Amino acid sequence: MCTWRGSYFETDEFFSLSLHILSVIQVPLDVLGTYIIVFKTPSNMKKVQFSMLVIHLTCFLSDVTMNVLVVPYTFFSAAVGYPMGVLTWFGVPTMFQVYSGFTSVMLLGPALVLFFEDRYNHLVRLDSDTRSRFIKRCIHFGSYYFLTFICMIPLFFEIPSLQNAKKLTYNEFPCLPQNVFEKPGVFMLTSNTGPAMACLFSFFFISACQAFYFTFRVMFHLSKQKGLSRKTYCMQKKFFKSLCVQVFVPILVLAPPALCLIISGVFRHVDMLFTNISIIWLTTHGIFSTITMLCVHKAYREATVDILLRRKRPTISSLSRNSVNMF
């Protein structure tokens, strides 16, 4: 089942132009976010600096990969597409570009889990600074990242030939333009999208379960804190809410296009107007993530305003000596 209107918004030209325009906005914004985290993080946020930097750089990598390096024009439900990014100009094999695109997105999973596990480790665990706990965390996230890099590899073992891919695609989606398979680097990942969809869904479902587990453990811990002063409790709670907003606002904003792609994949329906718009929308994740981060944290917000207005402060915005450490 497919729909092709012949609209400019369905074309690879519109798709490529949109991603290039987004990259002009995203790259400077991501660089600013990196600078703010590395050099403007106040002392009371030092314990979250590493996990915050990891998730930000992961978003940065995903932005650059999708919008600059690969630029994947994709007939999502057909698992067919071709790259139009910088890597194509340098003759990088399409198979490697497909793998890079998938992996750059999937790396958001362990980065998200690390973000909340780090809060759980510092606030809830009594053995957070012990060597045994450090080793366990290294094994956990080492295995997690290893799985991220290999879980999509089996899909590349049974790639249809270009001739078979063309036949299969036009038999199921006859409305697609006849010149699709004449494009340089055109690629069909699989003739059966079921395993690929199941792999992606399972991976992100497991990631979401872990993230929610650590989130609820921290929330439960904060609700049971009776030995802390009211001021300290409020500061901890407010800060954790800011971290949650930083992560979940971009996710909620991007839920509609993700749902649109999932539904189209399940029902095997190709509509390039909605596919283009959905993928373009999804690639704005880095913009929403960085802007949210810079807005919800007061220290980052002030540092950003100072940079934009070229103002200088005598000291970095942080807690005064008499303030209570929220960590």
C-alpha atoms as a PDB file:
ATOM      1  CA  MET A   1       0.000   0.000   0.000  1.00  0.00           C
ATOM      2  CA  CYS A   2       1.465   3.346  -0.953  1.00  0.00           C
ATOM      3  CA  THR A   3       0.618   6.941  -1.744  1.00  0.00           C
ATOM      4  CA  TRP A   4       2.557   9.210  -4.110  1.00  0.00           C
ATOM      5  CA  ARG A   5       1.211  12.674  -4.914  1.00  0.00           C
ATOM      6  CA  GLY A   6       4.094  14.021  -6.961  1.00  0.00           C
ATOM      7  CA  SER A   7       4.523  16.859  -4.460  1.00  0.00           C
ATOM      8  CA  TYR A   8       7.827  18.672  -3.920  1.00  0.00           C
ATOM      9  CA  PHE A   9       7.547  17.810  -0.230  1.00  0.00           C
ATOM     10  CA  GLU A  10       7.869  14.118  -1.118  1.00  0.00           C
ATOM     11  CA  THR A  11      11.153  14.564  -2.962  1.00  0.00           C
ATOM     12  CA  ASP A  12      14.697  13.926  -1.850  1.00  0.00           C
ATOM     13  CA  GLU A  13      15.541  17.547  -2.715  1.00  0.00           C
ATOM     14  CA  PHE A  14      13.109  18.878  -0.102  1.00  0.00           C
ATOM     15  CA  PHE A  15      14.319  16.320   2.429  1.00  0.00           C
ATOM     16  CA  SER A  16      18.007  17.094   1.901  1.00  0.00           C
ATOM     17  CA  LEU A  17      17.462  20.869   1.939  1.00  0.00           C
ATOM     18  CA  SER A  18      15.468  20.639   5.181  1.00  0.00           C
ATOM     19  CA  LEU A  19      18.153  18.631   6.968  1.00  0.00           C
ATOM     20  CA  HIS A  20      20.895  20.960   5.771  1.00  0.00           C
ATOM     21  CA  ILE A  21      18.967  23.977   7.073  1.00  0.00           C
ATOM     22  CA  LEU A  22      18.464  22.215  10.402  1.00  0.00           C
ATOM     23  CA  SER A  23      22.171  21.402  10.610  1.00  0.00           C
ATOM     24  CA  VAL A  24      23.017  25.108  10.285  1.00  0.00           C
ATOM     25  CA  ILE A  25      20.960  25.675  13.434  1.00  0.00           C
ATOM     26  CA  GLN A  26      21.832  22.477  15.290  1.00  0.00           C
ATOM     27  CA  VAL A  27      25.612  22.382  15.035  1.00  0.00           C
ATOM     28  CA  PRO A  28      26.272  25.861  16.545  1.00  0.00           C
ATOM     29  CA  LEU A  29      23.606  25.210  19.184  1.00  0.00           C
ATOM     30  CA  ASP A  30      25.137  21.841  20.097  1.00  0.00           C
ATOM     31  CA  VAL A  31      28.606  23.400  20.269  1.00  0.00           C
ATOM     32  CA  LEU A  32      27.229  26.087  22.591  1.00  0.00           C
ATOM     33  CA  GLY A  33      25.611  23.414  24.762  1.00  0.00           C
ATOM     34  CA  THR A  34      28.882  21.486  24.972  1.00  0.00           C
ATOM     35  CA  TYR A  35      30.792  24.620  25.949  1.00  0.00           C
ATOM     36  CA  ILE A  36      28.229  25.497  28.630  1.00  0.00           C
ATOM     37  CA  ILE A  37      28.357  22.010  30.177  1.00  0.00           C
ATOM     38  CA  VAL A  38      32.157  21.777  30.155  1.00  0.00           C
ATOM     39  CA  PHE A  39      33.061  25.289  31.268  1.00  0.00           C
ATOM     40  CA  LYS A  40      29.970  26.777  32.936  1.00  0.00           C
ATOM     41  CA  THR A  41      28.766  23.955  35.161  1.00  0.00           C
ATOM     42  CA  PRO A  42      28.724  25.301  38.749  1.00  0.00           C
ATOM     43  CA  SER A  43      30.159  23.349  41.662  1.00  0.00           C
ATOM     44  CA  ASN A  44      26.755  22.195  42.897  1.00  0.00           C
ATOM     45  CA  MET A  45      26.131  20.405  39.564  1.00  0.00           C
ATOM     46  CA  LYS A  46      29.520  18.727  39.155  1.00  0.00           C
ATOM     47  CA  LYS A  47      28.179  15.264  39.981  1.00  0.00           C
ATOM     48  CA  VAL A  48      25.765  15.357  37.042  1.00  0.00           C
ATOM     49  CA  GLN A  49      28.191  17.003  34.634  1.00  0.00           C
ATOM     50  CA  PHE A  50      29.510  13.745  33.164  1.00  0.00           C
ATOM     51  CA  SER A  51      26.135  12.091  32.521  1.00  0.00           C
ATOM     52  CA  MET A  52      24.743  15.358  31.162  1.00  0.00           C
ATOM     53  CA  LEU A  53      27.717  15.707  28.824  1.00  0.00           C
ATOM     54  CA  VAL A  54      27.326  12.104  27.626  1.00  0.00           C
ATOM     55  CA  ILE A  55      23.667  12.483  26.674  1.00  0.00           C
ATOM     56  CA  HIS A  56      24.316  15.879  25.064  1.00  0.00           C
ATOM     57  CA  LEU A  57      27.246  14.605  22.973  1.00  0.00           C
ATOM     58  CA  THR A  58      25.177  11.574  21.970  1.00  0.00           C
ATOM     59  CA  CYS A  59      22.455  13.905  20.676  1.00  0.00           C
ATOM     60  CA  PHE A  60      25.172  15.945  18.962  1.00  0.00           C
ATOM     61  CA  LEU A  61      26.537  12.800  17.264  1.00  0.00           C
ATOM     62  CA  SER A  62      23.055  11.770  16.139  1.00  0.00           C
ATOM     63  CA  ASP A  63      22.397  15.258  14.729  1.00  0.00           C
ATOM     64  CA  VAL A  64      25.640  15.363  12.752  1.00  0.00           C
ATOM     65  CA  THR A  65      25.273  11.785  11.495  1.00  0.00           C
ATOM     66  CA  MET A  66      21.700  12.140  10.278  1.00  0.00           C
ATOM     67  CA  ASN A  67      21.737  15.751   9.050  1.00  0.00           C
ATOM     68  CA  VAL A  68      25.254  16.087   7.654  1.00  0.00           C
ATOM     69  CA  LEU A  69      27.078  12.785   7.209  1.00  0.00           C
ATOM     70  CA  VAL A  70      24.316  10.450   5.986  1.00  0.00           C
ATOM     71  CA  VAL A  71      21.092  12.389   5.154  1.00  0.00           C
ATOM     72  CA  PRO A  72      19.046   9.198   4.608  1.00  0.00           C
ATOM     73  CA  TYR A  73      16.163   9.586   2.160  1.00  0.00           C
ATOM     74  CA  THR A  74      14.125   6.588   3.258  1.00  0.00           C
ATOM     75  CA  PHE A  75      11.038   4.730   2.115  1.00  0.00           C
ATOM     76  CA  PHE A  76      10.625   3.607   5.697  1.00  0.00           C
ATOM     77  CA  SER A  77       8.034   0.827   5.395  1.00  0.00           C
ATOM     78  CA  ALA A  78       9.815  -0.650   2.386  1.00  0.00           C
ATOM     79  CA  ALA A  79      13.217  -0.545   4.136  1.00  0.00           C
ATOM     80  CA  VAL A  80      14.586   1.118   1.005  1.00  0.00           C
ATOM     81  CA  GLY A  81      16.541   4.336   0.739  1.00  0.00           C
ATOM     82  CA  TYR A  82      19.709   6.069  -0.287  1.00  0.00           C
ATOM     83  CA  PRO A  83      22.112   8.488   1.452  1.00  0.00           C
ATOM     84  CA  MET A  84      22.796  12.016   0.254  1.00  0.00           C
ATOM     85  CA  GLY A  85      25.246  13.259   2.864  1.00  0.00           C
ATOM     86  CA  VAL A  86      28.933  14.056   3.082  1.00  0.00           C
ATOM     87  CA  LEU A  87      29.922  10.386   3.431  1.00  0.00           C
ATOM     88  CA  THR A  88      28.398   9.663   0.017  1.00  0.00           C
ATOM     89  CA  TRP A  89      30.563  12.370  -1.535  1.00  0.00           C
ATOM     90  CA  PHE A  90      33.631  10.550  -0.218  1.00  0.00           C
ATOM     91  CA  GLY A  91      32.475   7.181  -1.527  1.00  0.00           C
ATOM     92  CA  VAL A  92      31.735   5.543   1.823  1.00  0.00           C
ATOM     93  CA  PRO A  93      29.731   2.306   1.265  1.00  0.00           C
ATOM     94  CA  THR A  94      26.001   2.673   1.809  1.00  0.00           C
ATOM     95  CA  MET A  95      25.935  -0.359   4.112  1.00  0.00           C
ATOM     96  CA  PHE A  96      28.300   1.369   6.536  1.00  0.00           C
ATOM     97  CA  GLN A  97      26.244   4.563   6.369  1.00  0.00           C
ATOM     98  CA  VAL A  98      23.035   2.646   7.165  1.00  0.00           C
ATOM     99  CA  TYR A  99      24.746   1.001  10.119  1.00  0.00           C
ATOM    100  CA  SER A 100      26.100   4.370  11.311  1.00  0.00           C
ATOM    101  CA  GLY A 101      22.662   5.963  11.085  1.00  0.00           C
ATOM    102  CA  PHE A 102      20.989   3.205  13.098  1.00  0.00           C
ATOM    103  CA  THR A 103      23.755   3.135  15.696  1.00  0.00           C
ATOM    104  CA  SER A 104      23.859   6.911  16.208  1.00  0.00           C
ATOM    105  CA  VAL A 105      20.150   6.849  17.067  1.00  0.00           C
ATOM    106  CA  MET A 106      20.346   3.723  19.227  1.00  0.00           C
ATOM    107  CA  LEU A 107      23.176   5.217  21.299  1.00  0.00           C
ATOM    108  CA  LEU A 108      20.536   7.503  22.798  1.00  0.00           C
ATOM    109  CA  GLY A 109      19.257   4.454  24.714  1.00  0.00           C
ATOM    110  CA  PRO A 110      22.259   3.810  26.993  1.00  0.00           C
ATOM    111  CA  ALA A 111      22.930   7.558  27.271  1.00  0.00           C
ATOM    112  CA  LEU A 112      19.402   8.084  28.607  1.00  0.00           C
ATOM    113  CA  VAL A 113      19.743   5.208  31.073  1.00  0.00           C
ATOM    114  CA  LEU A 114      23.141   6.502  32.259  1.00  0.00           C
ATOM    115  CA  PHE A 115      21.602   9.934  32.817  1.00  0.00           C
ATOM    116  CA  PHE A 116      19.082   8.625  35.367  1.00  0.00           C
ATOM    117  CA  GLU A 117      21.215   5.796  36.736  1.00  0.00           C
ATOM    118  CA  ASP A 118      23.843   8.355  37.685  1.00  0.00           C
ATOM    119  CA  ARG A 119      21.295  10.244  39.824  1.00  0.00           C
ATOM    120  CA  TYR A 120      20.159   6.953  41.347  1.00  0.00           C
ATOM    121  CA  ASN A 121      23.748   5.981  42.086  1.00  0.00           C
ATOM    122  CA  HIS A 122      24.595   9.236  43.885  1.00  0.00           C
ATOM    123  CA  LEU A 123      21.322   9.749  45.755  1.00  0.00           C
ATOM    124  CA  VAL A 124      20.040   6.263  46.569  1.00  0.00           C
ATOM    125  CA  ARG A 125      23.010   3.902  46.700  1.00  0.00           C
ATOM    126  CA  LEU A 126      25.055   3.922  49.885  1.00  0.00           C
ATOM    127  CA  ASP A 127      27.969   2.237  48.099  1.00  0.00           C
ATOM    128  CA  SER A 128      28.116   4.721  45.217  1.00  0.00           C
ATOM    129  CA  ASP A 129      31.798   5.523  45.735  1.00  0.00           C
ATOM    130  CA  THR A 130      33.055   1.976  46.333  1.00  0.00           C
ATOM    131  CA  ARG A 131      35.274   0.116  43.903  1.00  0.00           C
ATOM    132  CA  SER A 132      32.856  -2.817  43.613  1.00  0.00           C
ATOM    133  CA  ARG A 133      30.017  -0.498  42.615  1.00  0.00           C
ATOM    134  CA  PHE A 134      32.249   1.186  40.036  1.00  0.00           C
ATOM    135  CA  ILE A 135      33.146  -2.206  38.521  1.00  0.00           C
ATOM    136  CA  LYS A 136      29.486  -3.280  38.380  1.00  0.00           C
ATOM    137  CA  ARG A 137      28.527  -0.052  36.629  1.00  0.00           C
ATOM    138  CA  CYS A 138      31.358  -0.460  34.126  1.00  0.00           C
ATOM    139  CA  ILE A 139      30.229  -4.012  33.337  1.00  0.00           C
ATOM    140  CA  HIS A 140      26.596  -2.933  33.018  1.00  0.00           C
ATOM    141  CA  PHE A 141      27.185  -0.025  30.675  1.00  0.00           C
ATOM    142  CA  GLY A 142      30.049  -1.724  28.848  1.00  0.00           C
ATOM    143  CA  SER A 143      27.702  -4.609  27.993  1.00  0.00           C
ATOM    144  CA  TYR A 144      24.931  -2.173  27.142  1.00  0.00           C
ATOM    145  CA  TYR A 145      27.057  -0.189  24.704  1.00  0.00           C
ATOM    146  CA  PHE A 146      28.450  -3.412  23.196  1.00  0.00           C
ATOM    147  CA  LEU A 147      24.877  -4.612  22.577  1.00  0.00           C
ATOM    148  CA  THR A 148      24.045  -1.252  21.010  1.00  0.00           C
ATOM    149  CA  PHE A 149      26.828  -1.611  18.468  1.00  0.00           C
ATOM    150  CA  ILE A 150      26.062  -5.220  17.476  1.00  0.00           C
ATOM    151  CA  CYS A 151      22.290  -5.702  17.751  1.00  0.00           C
ATOM    152  CA  MET A 152      21.569  -4.468  14.202  1.00  0.00           C
ATOM    153  CA  ILE A 153      24.439  -6.361  12.547  1.00  0.00           C
ATOM    154  CA  PRO A 154      22.456  -9.604  11.887  1.00  0.00           C
ATOM    155  CA  LEU A 155      20.107  -7.650   9.619  1.00  0.00           C
ATOM    156  CA  PHE A 156      22.992  -7.037   7.210  1.00  0.00           C
ATOM    157  CA  PHE A 157      23.609 -10.753   6.597  1.00  0.00           C
ATOM    158  CA  GLU A 158      20.650 -11.275   4.227  1.00  0.00           C
ATOM    159  CA  ILE A 159      20.530  -8.105   2.168  1.00  0.00           C
ATOM    160  CA  PRO A 160      18.583  -8.616  -1.096  1.00  0.00           C
ATOM    161  CA  SER A 161      20.388  -8.009  -4.362  1.00  0.00           C
ATOM    162  CA  LEU A 162      19.551  -4.763  -6.114  1.00  0.00           C
ATOM    163  CA  GLN A 163      17.559  -6.610  -8.782  1.00  0.00           C
ATOM    164  CA  ASN A 164      15.497  -8.540  -6.225  1.00  0.00           C
ATOM    165  CA  ALA A 165      15.062  -5.423  -4.098  1.00  0.00           C
ATOM    166  CA  LYS A 166      13.661  -3.531  -7.085  1.00  0.00           C
ATOM    167  CA  LYS A 167      11.255  -6.340  -7.931  1.00  0.00           C
ATOM    168  CA  LEU A 168      10.045  -6.748  -4.339  1.00  0.00           C
ATOM    169  CA  THR A 169       9.609  -3.011  -3.828  1.00  0.00           C
ATOM    170  CA  TYR A 170       7.584  -2.304  -6.963  1.00  0.00           C
ATOM    171  CA  ASN A 171       5.438  -5.405  -6.481  1.00  0.00           C
ATOM    172  CA  GLU A 172       4.329  -4.172  -3.055  1.00  0.00           C
ATOM    173  CA  PHE A 173       4.586  -0.415  -3.625  1.00  0.00           C
ATOM    174  CA  PRO A 174       3.833   0.185  -7.327  1.00  0.00           C
ATOM    175  CA  CYS A 175       3.187   3.921  -6.923  1.00  0.00           C
ATOM    176  CA  LEU A 176       6.826   4.761  -6.157  1.00  0.00           C
ATOM    177  CA  PRO A 177       8.833   6.644  -8.821  1.00  0.00           C
ATOM    178  CA  GLN A 178      10.565   4.382 -11.328  1.00  0.00           C
ATOM    179  CA  ASN A 179      13.914   6.126 -10.892  1.00  0.00           C
ATOM    180  CA  VAL A 180      14.346   5.192  -7.218  1.00  0.00           C
ATOM    181  CA  PHE A 181      16.697   2.299  -7.966  1.00  0.00           C
ATOM    182  CA  GLU A 182      18.711   4.421 -10.372  1.00  0.00           C
ATOM    183  CA  LYS A 183      19.897   6.655  -7.538  1.00  0.00           C
ATOM    184  CA  PRO A 184      23.525   6.198  -6.416  1.00  0.00           C
ATOM    185  CA  GLY A 185      23.860   4.155  -3.251  1.00  0.00           C
ATOM    186  CA  VAL A 186      20.263   2.887  -3.199  1.00  0.00           C
ATOM    187  CA  PHE A 187      19.928   0.164  -0.614  1.00  0.00           C
ATOM    188  CA  MET A 188      17.337  -2.312   0.681  1.00  0.00           C
ATOM    189  CA  LEU A 189      18.068  -3.449   4.210  1.00  0.00           C
ATOM    190  CA  THR A 190      15.627  -6.345   4.283  1.00  0.00           C
ATOM    191  CA  SER A 191      12.617  -7.720   2.449  1.00  0.00           C
ATOM    192  CA  ASN A 192      10.927  -8.372   5.800  1.00  0.00           C
ATOM    193  CA  THR A 193      10.829  -5.338   8.074  1.00  0.00           C
ATOM    194  CA  GLY A 194       9.334  -7.329  10.971  1.00  0.00           C
ATOM    195  CA  PRO A 195      12.661  -8.387  12.581  1.00  0.00           C
ATOM    196  CA  ALA A 196      14.131  -4.887  12.203  1.00  0.00           C
ATOM    197  CA  MET A 197      11.070  -3.267  13.788  1.00  0.00           C
ATOM    198  CA  ALA A 198      11.062  -5.860  16.572  1.00  0.00           C
ATOM    199  CA  CYS A 199      14.771  -5.286  17.238  1.00  0.00           C
ATOM    200  CA  LEU A 200      14.398  -1.512  17.446  1.00  0.00           C
ATOM    201  CA  PHE A 201      11.241  -1.697  19.544  1.00  0.00           C
ATOM    202  CA  SER A 202      12.771  -4.211  21.977  1.00  0.00           C
ATOM    203  CA  PHE A 203      15.943  -2.182  22.358  1.00  0.00           C
ATOM    204  CA  PHE A 204      14.187   1.090  23.144  1.00  0.00           C
ATOM    205  CA  PHE A 205      11.577  -0.649  25.303  1.00  0.00           C
ATOM    206  CA  ILE A 206      14.347  -2.111  27.478  1.00  0.00           C
ATOM    207  CA  SER A 207      16.035   1.300  27.616  1.00  0.00           C
ATOM    208  CA  ALA A 208      12.775   2.998  28.608  1.00  0.00           C
ATOM    209  CA  CYS A 209      12.101   0.415  31.331  1.00  0.00           C
ATOM    210  CA  GLN A 210      15.540   0.998  32.854  1.00  0.00           C
ATOM    211  CA  ALA A 211      15.195   4.777  32.682  1.00  0.00           C
ATOM    212  CA  PHE A 212      11.756   4.685  34.343  1.00  0.00           C
ATOM    213  CA  TYR A 213      13.021   2.267  36.999  1.00  0.00           C
ATOM    214  CA  PHE A 214      15.851   4.581  38.048  1.00  0.00           C
ATOM    215  CA  THR A 215      13.531   7.598  37.853  1.00  0.00           C
ATOM    216  CA  PHE A 216      10.954   6.053  40.173  1.00  0.00           C
ATOM    217  CA  ARG A 217      13.627   4.815  42.572  1.00  0.00           C
ATOM    218  CA  VAL A 218      14.982   8.354  42.899  1.00  0.00           C
ATOM    219  CA  MET A 219      11.489   9.816  43.289  1.00  0.00           C
ATOM    220  CA  PHE A 220      10.633   7.244  45.958  1.00  0.00           C
ATOM    221  CA  HIS A 221      13.912   7.954  47.752  1.00  0.00           C
ATOM    222  CA  LEU A 222      13.257  11.700  47.761  1.00  0.00           C
ATOM    223  CA  SER A 223       9.721  11.194  49.075  1.00  0.00           C
ATOM    224  CA  LYS A 224      11.090   9.194  52.033  1.00  0.00           C
ATOM    225  CA  GLN A 225      13.819  11.661  52.995  1.00  0.00           C
ATOM    226  CA  LYS A 226      12.857  12.719  56.510  1.00  0.00           C
ATOM    227  CA  GLY A 227      16.270  13.527  57.934  1.00  0.00           C
ATOM    228  CA  LEU A 228      16.937  16.422  55.574  1.00  0.00           C
ATOM    229  CA  SER A 229      15.999  20.005  56.197  1.00  0.00           C
ATOM    230  CA  ARG A 230      13.039  21.361  54.286  1.00  0.00           C
ATOM    231  CA  LYS A 231      15.331  23.586  52.233  1.00  0.00           C
ATOM    232  CA  THR A 232      17.641  20.746  51.191  1.00  0.00           C
ATOM    233  CA  TYR A 233      14.708  18.475  50.348  1.00  0.00           C
ATOM    234  CA  CYS A 234      13.098  21.148  48.163  1.00  0.00           C
ATOM    235  CA  MET A 235      16.394  21.823  46.382  1.00  0.00           C
ATOM    236  CA  GLN A 236      16.948  18.128  45.631  1.00  0.00           C
ATOM    237  CA  LYS A 237      13.385  17.687  44.424  1.00  0.00           C
ATOM    238  CA  LYS A 238      13.484  20.809  42.253  1.00  0.00           C
ATOM    239  CA  PHE A 239      16.790  19.820  40.693  1.00  0.00           C
ATOM    240  CA  PHE A 240      15.583  16.300  39.867  1.00  0.00           C
ATOM    241  CA  LYS A 241      12.431  17.744  38.312  1.00  0.00           C
ATOM    242  CA  SER A 242      14.641  19.925  36.111  1.00  0.00           C
ATOM    243  CA  LEU A 243      16.580  16.861  34.969  1.00  0.00           C
ATOM    244  CA  CYS A 244      13.338  15.039  34.156  1.00  0.00           C
ATOM    245  CA  VAL A 245      12.017  18.011  32.196  1.00  0.00           C
ATOM    246  CA  GLN A 246      15.319  18.230  30.309  1.00  0.00           C
ATOM    247  CA  VAL A 247      14.922  14.658  29.049  1.00  0.00           C
ATOM    248  CA  PHE A 248      11.193  14.074  28.767  1.00  0.00           C
ATOM    249  CA  VAL A 249      10.119  17.306  27.039  1.00  0.00           C
ATOM    250  CA  PRO A 250      12.102  16.486  23.853  1.00  0.00           C
ATOM    251  CA  ILE A 251      10.834  12.885  24.005  1.00  0.00           C
ATOM    252  CA  LEU A 252       7.201  13.994  24.254  1.00  0.00           C
ATOM    253  CA  VAL A 253       7.654  16.497  21.431  1.00  0.00           C
ATOM    254  CA  LEU A 254       9.077  13.777  19.176  1.00  0.00           C
ATOM    255  CA  ALA A 255       6.544  11.082  20.105  1.00  0.00           C
ATOM    256  CA  PRO A 256       4.027  11.944  17.309  1.00  0.00           C
ATOM    257  CA  PRO A 257       6.430  11.493  14.341  1.00  0.00           C
ATOM    258  CA  ALA A 258       7.917   8.361  15.908  1.00  0.00           C
ATOM    259  CA  LEU A 259       4.425   6.923  16.327  1.00  0.00           C
ATOM    260  CA  CYS A 260       3.614   7.847  12.730  1.00  0.00           C
ATOM    261  CA  LEU A 261       6.639   5.915  11.430  1.00  0.00           C
ATOM    262  CA  ILE A 262       5.904   2.902  13.639  1.00  0.00           C
ATOM    263  CA  ILE A 263       2.296   2.709  12.446  1.00  0.00           C
ATOM    264  CA  SER A 264       3.335   3.042   8.802  1.00  0.00           C
ATOM    265  CA  GLY A 265       5.878   0.261   9.314  1.00  0.00           C
ATOM    266  CA  VAL A 266       3.376  -2.064  10.984  1.00  0.00           C
ATOM    267  CA  PHE A 267       0.751  -1.556   8.257  1.00  0.00           C
ATOM    268  CA  ARG A 268       3.332  -1.535   5.425  1.00  0.00           C
ATOM    269  CA  HIS A 269       2.181   1.820   4.093  1.00  0.00           C
ATOM    270  CA  VAL A 270       4.549   4.157   2.240  1.00  0.00           C
ATOM    271  CA  ASP A 271       3.642   7.842   2.121  1.00  0.00           C
ATOM    272  CA  MET A 272       6.717   9.961   1.493  1.00  0.00           C
ATOM    273  CA  LEU A 273       5.009  13.201   2.480  1.00  0.00           C
ATOM    274  CA  PHE A 274       4.454  11.936   6.010  1.00  0.00           C
ATOM    275  CA  THR A 275       7.736  10.001   6.062  1.00  0.00           C
ATOM    276  CA  ASN A 276       9.796  13.058   5.103  1.00  0.00           C
ATOM    277  CA  ILE A 277       8.036  15.290   7.615  1.00  0.00           C
ATOM    278  CA  SER A 278       8.308  12.646  10.356  1.00  0.00           C
ATOM    279  CA  ILE A 279      12.037  12.066   9.876  1.00  0.00           C
ATOM    280  CA  ILE A 280      12.739  15.810   9.611  1.00  0.00           C
ATOM    281  CA  TRP A 281      10.744  16.308  12.813  1.00  0.00           C
ATOM    282  CA  LEU A 282      12.692  13.545  14.557  1.00  0.00           C
ATOM    283  CA  THR A 283      16.019  15.105  13.606  1.00  0.00           C
ATOM    284  CA  THR A 284      15.064  18.221  15.571  1.00  0.00           C
ATOM    285  CA  HIS A 285      15.642  16.214  18.760  1.00  0.00           C
ATOM    286  CA  GLY A 286      19.021  17.854  19.326  1.00  0.00           C
ATOM    287  CA  ILE A 287      17.511  21.339  19.064  1.00  0.00           C
ATOM    288  CA  PHE A 288      14.749  20.620  21.575  1.00  0.00           C
ATOM    289  CA  SER A 289      17.122  18.779  23.900  1.00  0.00           C
ATOM    290  CA  THR A 290      19.755  21.526  23.969  1.00  0.00           C
ATOM    291  CA  ILE A 291      17.280  24.399  24.298  1.00  0.00           C
ATOM    292  CA  THR A 292      15.456  22.606  27.121  1.00  0.00           C
ATOM    293  CA  MET A 293      18.732  21.946  28.935  1.00  0.00           C
ATOM    294  CA  LEU A 294      19.829  25.569  28.650  1.00  0.00           C
ATOM    295  CA  CYS A 295      16.444  26.822  29.854  1.00  0.00           C
ATOM    296  CA  VAL A 296      15.602  24.585  32.817  1.00  0.00           C
ATOM    297  CA  HIS A 297      18.909  24.935  34.686  1.00  0.00           C
ATOM    298  CA  LYS A 298      19.432  28.407  36.114  1.00  0.00           C
ATOM    299  CA  ALA A 299      23.231  28.294  35.903  1.00  0.00           C
ATOM    300  CA  TYR A 300      23.150  27.308  32.229  1.00  0.00           C
ATOM    301  CA  ARG A 301      20.423  29.822  31.480  1.00  0.00           C
ATOM    302  CA  GLU A 302      22.426  32.665  32.996  1.00  0.00           C
ATOM    303  CA  ALA A 303      25.635  31.568  31.282  1.00  0.00           C
ATOM    304  CA  THR A 304      23.856  31.420  27.916  1.00  0.00           C
ATOM    305  CA  VAL A 305      22.381  34.899  28.354  1.00  0.00           C
ATOM    306  CA  ASP A 306      25.818  36.229  29.338  1.00  0.00           C
ATOM    307  CA  ILE A 307      27.383  34.746  26.200  1.00  0.00           C
ATOM    308  CA  LEU A 308      24.644  36.009  23.890  1.00  0.00           C
ATOM    309  CA  LEU A 309      24.722  39.493  25.430  1.00  0.00           C
ATOM    310  CA  ARG A 310      28.516  39.430  25.871  1.00  0.00           C
ATOM    311  CA  ARG A 311      28.233  40.104  29.562  1.00  0.00           C
ATOM    312  CA  LYS A 312      30.846  39.159  32.129  1.00  0.00           C
ATOM    313  CA  ARG A 313      30.068  38.034  35.650  1.00  0.00           C
ATOM    314  CA  PRO A 314      32.588  38.237  38.478  1.00  0.00           C
ATOM    315  CA  THR A 315      31.972  34.563  39.355  1.00  0.00           C
ATOM    316  CA  ILE A 316      30.210  31.579  37.846  1.00  0.00           C
ATOM    317  CA  SER A 317      26.629  31.309  39.036  1.00  0.00           C
ATOM    318  CA  SER A 318      26.621  28.786  41.847  1.00  0.00           C
ATOM    319  CA  LEU A 319      25.537  28.310  45.399  1.00  0.00           C
ATOM    320  CA  SER A 320      26.939  30.647  47.958  1.00  0.00           C
ATOM    321  CA  ARG A 321      29.095  29.342  50.771  1.00  0.00           C
ATOM    322  CA  ASN A 322      26.128  29.265  53.084  1.00  0.00           C
ATOM    323  CA  SER A 323      23.918  27.379  50.654  1.00  0.00           C
ATOM    324  CA  VAL A 324      23.128  23.755  51.261  1.00  0.00           C
ATOM    325  CA  ASN A 325      24.644  21.289  48.825  1.00  0.00           C
ATOM    326  CA  MET A 326      21.796  19.510  47.034  1.00  0.00           C
ATOM    327  CA  PHE A 327      23.905  16.449  46.435  1.00  0.00           C
END
